Protein backbone atom coordinates (compact mmCIF):
# COMPACT_ATOMS: atom_id res chain seq x y z
CA MET A 1 50.24 47.99 -7.35
CA LYS A 2 50.28 45.36 -4.65
CA TYR A 3 46.85 46.31 -3.26
CA SER A 4 43.56 46.95 -5.02
CA ALA A 5 42.15 49.12 -2.18
CA VAL A 6 43.04 50.50 1.24
CA ILE A 7 40.71 50.57 4.23
CA PHE A 8 41.71 52.93 7.04
CA ASP A 9 40.62 53.01 10.62
CA LEU A 10 39.77 56.61 11.60
CA ASP A 11 40.58 57.46 15.24
CA GLY A 12 44.27 57.00 16.00
CA THR A 13 45.08 56.30 12.36
CA LEU A 14 43.99 59.25 10.23
CA LEU A 15 42.77 61.60 12.95
CA ASP A 16 44.10 62.39 16.42
CA THR A 17 40.76 62.46 18.25
CA LEU A 18 41.81 61.15 21.66
CA GLU A 19 41.43 64.36 23.66
CA ASP A 20 37.92 65.14 22.39
CA ILE A 21 36.81 61.59 23.17
CA ALA A 22 38.45 61.64 26.60
CA VAL A 23 37.03 65.04 27.56
CA SER A 24 33.56 63.93 26.47
CA ALA A 25 33.76 60.64 28.37
CA ASN A 26 34.97 62.40 31.52
CA LEU A 27 32.09 64.88 31.30
CA VAL A 28 29.72 61.89 31.18
CA LEU A 29 31.39 60.29 34.20
CA ARG A 30 31.22 63.60 36.07
CA ARG A 31 27.52 63.91 35.25
CA PHE A 32 26.84 60.56 36.92
CA GLY A 33 29.17 61.16 39.86
CA GLU A 34 31.72 58.55 38.79
CA PRO A 35 35.51 58.93 38.87
CA GLU A 36 37.17 60.44 35.81
CA HIS A 37 40.29 59.13 34.06
CA PRO A 38 43.51 60.85 32.93
CA ILE A 39 43.46 61.82 29.25
CA GLU A 40 46.41 59.55 28.44
CA SER A 41 44.66 56.50 29.91
CA TYR A 42 42.10 56.66 27.11
CA ASN A 43 44.73 55.29 24.72
CA THR A 44 43.82 51.84 26.01
CA LEU A 45 40.14 52.52 26.70
CA VAL A 46 38.98 53.55 23.22
CA GLY A 47 38.74 51.59 19.98
CA ASP A 48 35.84 49.21 20.48
CA GLY A 49 32.79 51.45 20.35
CA VAL A 50 31.02 53.71 22.84
CA ALA A 51 29.34 50.97 24.89
CA MET A 52 32.67 49.22 25.43
CA LEU A 53 34.29 52.54 26.32
CA PHE A 54 31.92 52.89 29.27
CA GLN A 55 32.20 49.25 30.24
CA ARG A 56 35.88 50.05 30.71
CA THR A 57 35.56 53.49 32.32
CA LEU A 58 32.71 52.89 34.77
CA PRO A 59 33.80 51.38 38.11
CA ALA A 60 33.83 47.61 38.26
CA THR A 61 31.77 47.87 41.44
CA CYS A 62 28.96 49.72 39.65
CA ASN A 63 25.82 47.62 40.01
CA ASP A 64 23.29 49.85 38.23
CA PRO A 65 22.26 47.88 35.11
CA SER A 66 20.86 50.98 33.43
CA LEU A 67 23.91 53.19 33.95
CA LEU A 68 25.82 51.87 30.95
CA GLN A 69 22.88 52.64 28.68
CA ARG A 70 22.43 56.12 30.15
CA ALA A 71 26.15 56.88 29.94
CA THR A 72 26.25 55.80 26.29
CA ALA A 73 23.31 58.07 25.47
CA ALA A 74 24.89 60.97 27.37
CA PHE A 75 28.12 60.54 25.44
CA GLN A 76 26.28 60.99 22.15
CA GLU A 77 24.89 64.29 23.45
CA ILE A 78 28.16 65.63 24.87
CA TYR A 79 30.43 64.46 22.05
CA ALA A 80 28.12 66.23 19.58
CA ASP A 81 29.49 69.47 21.06
CA GLN A 82 33.10 68.32 21.47
CA TRP A 83 34.06 66.21 18.45
CA HIS A 84 35.85 68.96 16.50
CA LYS A 85 37.38 71.11 19.24
CA ARG A 86 40.82 69.48 19.59
CA SER A 87 40.88 66.79 16.91
CA LYS A 88 42.96 67.05 13.75
CA PRO A 89 44.66 64.89 11.11
CA TYR A 90 48.02 63.54 12.16
CA ASN A 91 51.00 65.29 10.61
CA GLY A 92 51.65 63.87 7.15
CA ILE A 93 48.21 62.28 6.69
CA GLU A 94 46.99 64.80 4.14
CA ASP A 95 50.15 64.33 2.08
CA LEU A 96 49.68 60.56 2.30
CA LEU A 97 46.08 60.72 1.10
CA SER A 98 47.04 63.05 -1.75
CA ARG A 99 49.78 60.63 -2.79
CA LEU A 100 47.48 57.61 -2.73
CA SER A 101 44.70 59.47 -4.54
CA SER A 102 47.09 60.53 -7.29
CA GLN A 103 47.68 56.83 -7.97
CA ARG A 104 43.91 56.25 -8.18
CA LEU A 105 44.05 53.72 -5.36
CA PRO A 106 40.52 53.30 -3.94
CA LEU A 107 40.35 54.46 -0.31
CA ALA A 108 37.77 53.57 2.36
CA ILE A 109 37.23 54.10 6.08
CA LEU A 110 35.89 51.58 8.60
CA SER A 111 35.51 52.80 12.19
CA ASN A 112 33.91 51.69 15.45
CA LYS A 113 32.97 55.34 16.05
CA PRO A 114 29.20 55.82 15.63
CA ASP A 115 28.48 56.32 11.93
CA HIS A 116 27.03 59.82 12.38
CA PHE A 117 30.24 61.05 14.00
CA THR A 118 32.41 59.15 11.53
CA GLN A 119 30.73 60.93 8.64
CA LEU A 120 31.01 64.30 10.42
CA CYS A 121 34.72 63.88 11.14
CA VAL A 122 35.58 62.83 7.61
CA SER A 123 33.58 65.63 6.00
CA HIS A 124 35.09 68.22 8.37
CA PHE A 125 38.73 67.18 8.54
CA LEU A 126 39.27 65.25 5.30
CA SER A 127 36.90 66.94 2.86
CA ARG A 128 39.65 67.39 0.26
CA PHE A 129 39.78 63.66 -0.35
CA SER A 130 37.44 61.26 -2.07
CA PHE A 131 36.71 58.05 -0.19
CA ALA A 132 34.96 55.30 -2.09
CA SER A 133 33.27 54.05 1.09
CA ILE A 134 32.92 55.39 4.66
CA HIS A 135 31.40 53.29 7.44
CA GLY A 136 31.12 53.89 11.16
CA GLN A 137 29.36 51.67 13.66
CA LYS A 138 25.76 51.05 12.61
CA ALA A 139 22.87 49.04 13.97
CA GLY A 140 22.72 45.63 12.35
CA VAL A 141 26.42 45.49 11.43
CA PRO A 142 28.75 43.84 13.96
CA ARG A 143 31.52 46.14 15.13
CA LYS A 144 35.17 45.39 14.58
CA PRO A 145 36.95 43.00 15.07
CA ASP A 146 34.11 41.22 13.29
CA PRO A 147 35.13 41.35 9.60
CA ALA A 148 31.60 42.11 8.34
CA GLY A 149 32.48 45.74 7.66
CA VAL A 150 35.47 44.75 5.53
CA PHE A 151 33.34 42.30 3.57
CA ASN A 152 30.72 45.00 2.95
CA ILE A 153 33.33 47.44 1.66
CA ALA A 154 34.93 44.77 -0.52
CA ARG A 155 31.56 44.17 -2.17
CA GLU A 156 30.99 47.89 -2.67
CA LEU A 157 34.41 48.30 -4.29
CA ASP A 158 34.18 44.98 -6.16
CA VAL A 159 37.57 43.80 -4.89
CA ARG A 160 38.72 40.67 -3.11
CA THR A 161 39.32 41.00 0.62
CA GLU A 162 42.73 39.35 0.15
CA SER A 163 43.80 42.26 -2.05
CA ILE A 164 42.86 44.91 0.54
CA ALA A 165 45.34 46.61 2.87
CA TYR A 166 43.70 47.34 6.20
CA VAL A 167 45.49 50.11 8.14
CA GLY A 168 44.90 50.72 11.84
CA ASP A 169 46.43 51.46 15.22
CA THR A 170 44.92 48.93 17.64
CA ASN A 171 44.63 45.21 18.30
CA THR A 172 41.00 45.46 17.14
CA ASP A 173 42.13 46.71 13.73
CA MET A 174 44.74 44.02 13.28
CA GLU A 175 42.29 41.29 14.33
CA THR A 176 39.73 42.68 11.88
CA ALA A 177 42.19 42.50 9.01
CA VAL A 178 43.32 38.99 9.91
CA SER A 179 39.72 37.75 10.21
CA ALA A 180 38.88 39.22 6.80
CA GLY A 181 41.96 37.75 5.14
CA SER A 182 43.29 41.23 4.34
CA CYS A 183 46.80 42.54 4.87
CA ALA A 184 47.11 43.99 8.38
CA ILE A 185 49.23 47.14 8.50
CA GLY A 186 49.76 48.81 11.86
CA VAL A 187 50.74 52.43 12.48
CA SER A 188 52.88 53.40 15.46
CA TRP A 189 51.60 56.98 15.88
CA GLY A 190 48.15 55.99 17.15
CA PHE A 191 46.69 54.80 20.41
CA ARG A 192 48.48 51.50 21.03
CA ALA A 193 52.00 50.05 21.22
CA VAL A 194 53.77 48.39 18.30
CA GLU A 195 54.14 45.20 20.34
CA GLU A 196 50.35 44.92 20.58
CA LEU A 197 49.97 45.39 16.83
CA ARG A 198 52.55 42.72 16.03
CA ARG A 199 51.06 40.30 18.56
CA CYS A 200 47.62 40.70 16.97
CA GLY A 201 48.71 40.02 13.41
CA ALA A 202 50.31 43.12 11.89
CA GLN A 203 52.23 42.11 8.78
CA GLU A 204 53.79 45.54 8.39
CA ILE A 205 54.38 48.48 10.74
CA ALA A 206 54.58 52.07 9.49
CA HIS A 207 56.20 54.66 11.73
CA THR A 208 55.32 57.69 9.62
CA PRO A 209 52.64 58.43 7.00
CA GLY A 210 55.41 58.69 4.43
CA GLU A 211 56.58 55.18 5.28
CA LEU A 212 52.99 53.97 5.08
CA GLY A 213 52.73 55.40 1.57
CA ASP A 214 55.84 53.51 0.54
CA ILE A 215 54.36 50.26 1.88
CA LEU A 216 51.01 50.77 0.17
CA LEU A 217 52.48 51.75 -3.19
CA ALA A 218 55.32 49.21 -3.29
C-alpha cells in the first residue's frame, strides 16, 4: 500500500459533532449574557480547540480578561452533558473503517477536542474499531496545526511521517499534515469548503468515504 498509517481528525471527519458543540457553546454564551450564534455558523468557528472557539464566539468588544477562562471551563461542564446527544458517524464512515481495518492498515486519531472528550467519543461511537493511537488536546502538547501530535503518533507506530496519510476537514488539518511532511487529504463532507482545503495544502480531496478508501488503498 501507498501509506503505512492513516491519522484521522475526529470532528467533521469521522463524526458529525457540530450541533452538540454549537448547542453547548451557545448555552455557555447564554450563561454569561453574551449573544448566541446560529448553529451553521459554527462550521467556521470550531476546529482549533475550546479556547479558540470562545475567542471567536465572544464579542470583540468584550473587555473582561477572565471571561475567556470562565467560558472555557463552563464549556467543559456543559459539553459533558451534551457530547453524545446529536453526534454520530458520517454515513459511510463505519464501512470505510471496516475496509481499512481488513487491510491491516494502522489507524490513529489526532484531534483538537480535549482528550477526555476525544476518548469518550471514540469509545462511544467507534467502539467496533481498533485504533493504534488516539490523541485529543492535552496539556504540554501543542495543538494542531503544530505537527507535534503527528510526530508523537509516528513514533508510537514506528513509521515515518512522510508515509502517513493525514485526513481532515479544515485548514488546520491540512496545515498540520503539510508541517509534518505527511500527505494531506481533505474531505468535503466536514466543516469547511473544498477551496479552503486546497488552498491550505490538500494533495487529494475525497467527496465520499468510499472515495477516501480508494485513495488510501491505492
